[in-house]
Amino acid sequence: MIRVRRVYDLPSKEDGYRVLVDRLWPRGVSKSDAQIDEWLKDVAPSDELRKWFGHEPARWNRFKSRYFQELAKKTALLEQLRAKESTSGVVTLLYGAKDQQHNNAVALKEYLDEHAK
């Protein structure tokens, strides 16, 4: 099972394996407070795509399309997430954005769901 949560939310036992999927470390969160198991910044959108998107909901569909193209080239990282899901049962993708519906973790979960083996 893949879940998505803000890194600013209190960690939960139900989170399983906690993976930060942002390219930049979230502001105001210490590494100990985040309680992440892994920071997989290379699965995040490229800097160019991240800056272009700027968390503008009007760009969401184009962002996802472009991000999915990037993810298609990152099979080893996606397989790494799948392996953690198999061993841990639950992988929680953590993000720092304020918008809980339009962010790279939500898009990544959608991609993983659509490309499940």
C-alpha atoms as a PDB file:
ATOM      1  CA  MET A   1       0.000   0.000   0.000  1.00  0.00           C
ATOM      2  CA  ILE A   2       1.258   3.459  -0.934  1.00  0.00           C
ATOM      3  CA  ARG A   3       0.118   6.418   1.159  1.00  0.00           C
ATOM      4  CA  VAL A   4       0.760  10.151   0.882  1.00  0.00           C
ATOM      5  CA  ARG A   5       1.230  12.589   3.785  1.00  0.00           C
ATOM      6  CA  ARG A   6       2.716  15.985   4.494  1.00  0.00           C
ATOM      7  CA  VAL A   7       6.085  15.792   6.186  1.00  0.00           C
ATOM      8  CA  TYR A   8       4.758  18.395   8.657  1.00  0.00           C
ATOM      9  CA  ASP A   9       2.094  15.961   9.962  1.00  0.00           C
ATOM     10  CA  LEU A  10       2.973  13.957  13.045  1.00  0.00           C
ATOM     11  CA  PRO A  11       4.396  10.543  12.159  1.00  0.00           C
ATOM     12  CA  SER A  12       2.064   7.608  12.676  1.00  0.00           C
ATOM     13  CA  LYS A  13       2.596   3.877  13.221  1.00  0.00           C
ATOM     14  CA  GLU A  14       0.434   3.297  10.139  1.00  0.00           C
ATOM     15  CA  ASP A  15       2.951   5.158   7.950  1.00  0.00           C
ATOM     16  CA  GLY A  16       5.183   2.133   7.543  1.00  0.00           C
ATOM     17  CA  TYR A  17       8.311   3.062   5.598  1.00  0.00           C
ATOM     18  CA  ARG A  18       8.483   6.884   5.365  1.00  0.00           C
ATOM     19  CA  VAL A  19      10.082   8.311   2.211  1.00  0.00           C
ATOM     20  CA  LEU A  20      10.570  12.019   1.522  1.00  0.00           C
ATOM     21  CA  VAL A  21      10.072  12.494  -2.229  1.00  0.00           C
ATOM     22  CA  ASP A  22      10.888  16.212  -2.525  1.00  0.00           C
ATOM     23  CA  ARG A  23      14.065  17.456  -4.184  1.00  0.00           C
ATOM     24  CA  LEU A  24      14.540  20.105  -1.479  1.00  0.00           C
ATOM     25  CA  TRP A  25      14.444  19.531   2.277  1.00  0.00           C
ATOM     26  CA  PRO A  26      11.229  21.052   3.734  1.00  0.00           C
ATOM     27  CA  ARG A  27      11.634  24.322   5.607  1.00  0.00           C
ATOM     28  CA  GLY A  28      11.396  24.314   9.365  1.00  0.00           C
ATOM     29  CA  VAL A  29      11.580  20.532   9.797  1.00  0.00           C
ATOM     30  CA  SER A  30      14.546  18.910  11.453  1.00  0.00           C
ATOM     31  CA  LYS A  31      15.669  15.511  10.283  1.00  0.00           C
ATOM     32  CA  SER A  32      14.856  14.020  13.674  1.00  0.00           C
ATOM     33  CA  ASP A  33      11.337  15.531  13.715  1.00  0.00           C
ATOM     34  CA  ALA A  34      10.616  14.283  10.188  1.00  0.00           C
ATOM     35  CA  GLN A  35      11.367  10.694  11.200  1.00  0.00           C
ATOM     36  CA  ILE A  36      11.965   9.653   7.617  1.00  0.00           C
ATOM     37  CA  ASP A  37      13.460   6.329   6.673  1.00  0.00           C
ATOM     38  CA  GLU A  38      14.778   7.563   3.335  1.00  0.00           C
ATOM     39  CA  TRP A  39      15.105  10.758   1.326  1.00  0.00           C
ATOM     40  CA  LEU A  40      14.613   9.776  -2.303  1.00  0.00           C
ATOM     41  CA  LYS A  41      15.134  13.178  -3.897  1.00  0.00           C
ATOM     42  CA  ASP A  42      16.057  11.747  -7.299  1.00  0.00           C
ATOM     43  CA  VAL A  43      12.464  10.513  -7.779  1.00  0.00           C
ATOM     44  CA  ALA A  44      11.227  14.109  -7.421  1.00  0.00           C
ATOM     45  CA  PRO A  45      10.527  16.254 -10.484  1.00  0.00           C
ATOM     46  CA  SER A  46      13.513  17.909 -12.118  1.00  0.00           C
ATOM     47  CA  ASP A  47      14.362  21.410 -10.912  1.00  0.00           C
ATOM     48  CA  GLU A  48      13.167  22.800 -14.244  1.00  0.00           C
ATOM     49  CA  LEU A  49       9.777  21.082 -13.980  1.00  0.00           C
ATOM     50  CA  ARG A  50       9.388  21.917 -10.290  1.00  0.00           C
ATOM     51  CA  LYS A  51      10.029  25.612 -10.928  1.00  0.00           C
ATOM     52  CA  TRP A  52       7.738  25.681 -13.972  1.00  0.00           C
ATOM     53  CA  PHE A  53       4.863  24.088 -12.036  1.00  0.00           C
ATOM     54  CA  GLY A  54       5.161  26.430  -9.052  1.00  0.00           C
ATOM     55  CA  HIS A  55       2.210  24.587  -7.418  1.00  0.00           C
ATOM     56  CA  GLU A  56      -0.221  26.289  -9.810  1.00  0.00           C
ATOM     57  CA  PRO A  57      -3.371  24.108  -9.933  1.00  0.00           C
ATOM     58  CA  ALA A  58      -4.066  25.316 -13.497  1.00  0.00           C
ATOM     59  CA  ARG A  59      -0.821  23.586 -14.579  1.00  0.00           C
ATOM     60  CA  TRP A  60      -1.582  20.330 -12.745  1.00  0.00           C
ATOM     61  CA  ASN A  61      -2.463  18.135 -15.745  1.00  0.00           C
ATOM     62  CA  ARG A  62       0.513  19.331 -17.792  1.00  0.00           C
ATOM     63  CA  PHE A  63       2.752  18.934 -14.767  1.00  0.00           C
ATOM     64  CA  LYS A  64       1.624  15.343 -14.269  1.00  0.00           C
ATOM     65  CA  SER A  65       2.142  14.525 -17.928  1.00  0.00           C
ATOM     66  CA  ARG A  66       5.676  15.923 -17.914  1.00  0.00           C
ATOM     67  CA  TYR A  67       6.486  14.350 -14.545  1.00  0.00           C
ATOM     68  CA  PHE A  68       5.215  10.962 -15.719  1.00  0.00           C
ATOM     69  CA  GLN A  69       7.603  11.224 -18.681  1.00  0.00           C
ATOM     70  CA  GLU A  70      10.454  11.822 -16.229  1.00  0.00           C
ATOM     71  CA  LEU A  71       9.330   8.923 -14.024  1.00  0.00           C
ATOM     72  CA  ALA A  72       9.298   6.558 -16.996  1.00  0.00           C
ATOM     73  CA  LYS A  73      13.098   6.977 -17.093  1.00  0.00           C
ATOM     74  CA  LYS A  74      13.535   6.266 -13.361  1.00  0.00           C
ATOM     75  CA  THR A  75      12.600   2.596 -13.278  1.00  0.00           C
ATOM     76  CA  ALA A  76      15.314   1.638 -10.762  1.00  0.00           C
ATOM     77  CA  LEU A  77      14.038   4.188  -8.230  1.00  0.00           C
ATOM     78  CA  LEU A  78      10.446   3.089  -8.742  1.00  0.00           C
ATOM     79  CA  GLU A  79      11.460  -0.543  -8.297  1.00  0.00           C
ATOM     80  CA  GLN A  80      13.185   0.469  -5.074  1.00  0.00           C
ATOM     81  CA  LEU A  81       9.895   1.933  -3.791  1.00  0.00           C
ATOM     82  CA  ARG A  82       8.020  -1.190  -4.861  1.00  0.00           C
ATOM     83  CA  ALA A  83      10.529  -3.387  -3.028  1.00  0.00           C
ATOM     84  CA  LYS A  84      10.031  -1.367   0.157  1.00  0.00           C
ATOM     85  CA  GLU A  85       6.277  -1.706  -0.271  1.00  0.00           C
ATOM     86  CA  SER A  86       6.675  -5.496  -0.542  1.00  0.00           C
ATOM     87  CA  THR A  87       8.832  -5.782   2.568  1.00  0.00           C
ATOM     88  CA  SER A  88       7.194  -3.095   4.735  1.00  0.00           C
ATOM     89  CA  GLY A  89       3.588  -3.437   3.609  1.00  0.00           C
ATOM     90  CA  VAL A  90       3.097   0.327   3.648  1.00  0.00           C
ATOM     91  CA  VAL A  91       5.202   3.071   2.088  1.00  0.00           C
ATOM     92  CA  THR A  92       4.273   6.657   2.871  1.00  0.00           C
ATOM     93  CA  LEU A  93       5.394   9.275   0.366  1.00  0.00           C
ATOM     94  CA  LEU A  94       6.148  12.498   2.238  1.00  0.00           C
ATOM     95  CA  TYR A  95       6.044  15.979   0.729  1.00  0.00           C
ATOM     96  CA  GLY A  96       6.368  19.538   2.007  1.00  0.00           C
ATOM     97  CA  ALA A  97       3.937  21.456  -0.241  1.00  0.00           C
ATOM     98  CA  LYS A  98       0.957  23.254   1.297  1.00  0.00           C
ATOM     99  CA  ASP A  99      -1.396  22.091  -1.454  1.00  0.00           C
ATOM    100  CA  GLN A 100      -2.482  18.583  -0.492  1.00  0.00           C
ATOM    101  CA  GLN A 101      -4.044  17.784  -3.879  1.00  0.00           C
ATOM    102  CA  HIS A 102      -1.545  19.214  -6.356  1.00  0.00           C
ATOM    103  CA  ASN A 103       1.963  18.085  -5.460  1.00  0.00           C
ATOM    104  CA  ASN A 104       4.583  15.668  -6.718  1.00  0.00           C
ATOM    105  CA  ALA A 105       3.863  12.996  -4.070  1.00  0.00           C
ATOM    106  CA  VAL A 106       0.213  12.784  -5.159  1.00  0.00           C
ATOM    107  CA  ALA A 107       1.343  12.541  -8.793  1.00  0.00           C
ATOM    108  CA  LEU A 108       3.952   9.911  -7.916  1.00  0.00           C
ATOM    109  CA  LYS A 109       1.356   7.788  -6.108  1.00  0.00           C
ATOM    110  CA  GLU A 110      -0.949   8.075  -9.127  1.00  0.00           C
ATOM    111  CA  TYR A 111       1.877   6.965 -11.409  1.00  0.00           C
ATOM    112  CA  LEU A 112       2.731   4.014  -9.160  1.00  0.00           C
ATOM    113  CA  ASP A 113      -0.937   3.004  -8.970  1.00  0.00           C
ATOM    114  CA  GLU A 114      -1.336   3.178 -12.743  1.00  0.00           C
ATOM    115  CA  HIS A 115       1.854   1.204 -13.372  1.00  0.00           C
ATOM    116  CA  ALA A 116       1.389  -1.462 -10.721  1.00  0.00           C
ATOM    117  CA  LYS A 117       2.745  -4.840 -11.733  1.00  0.00           C
END
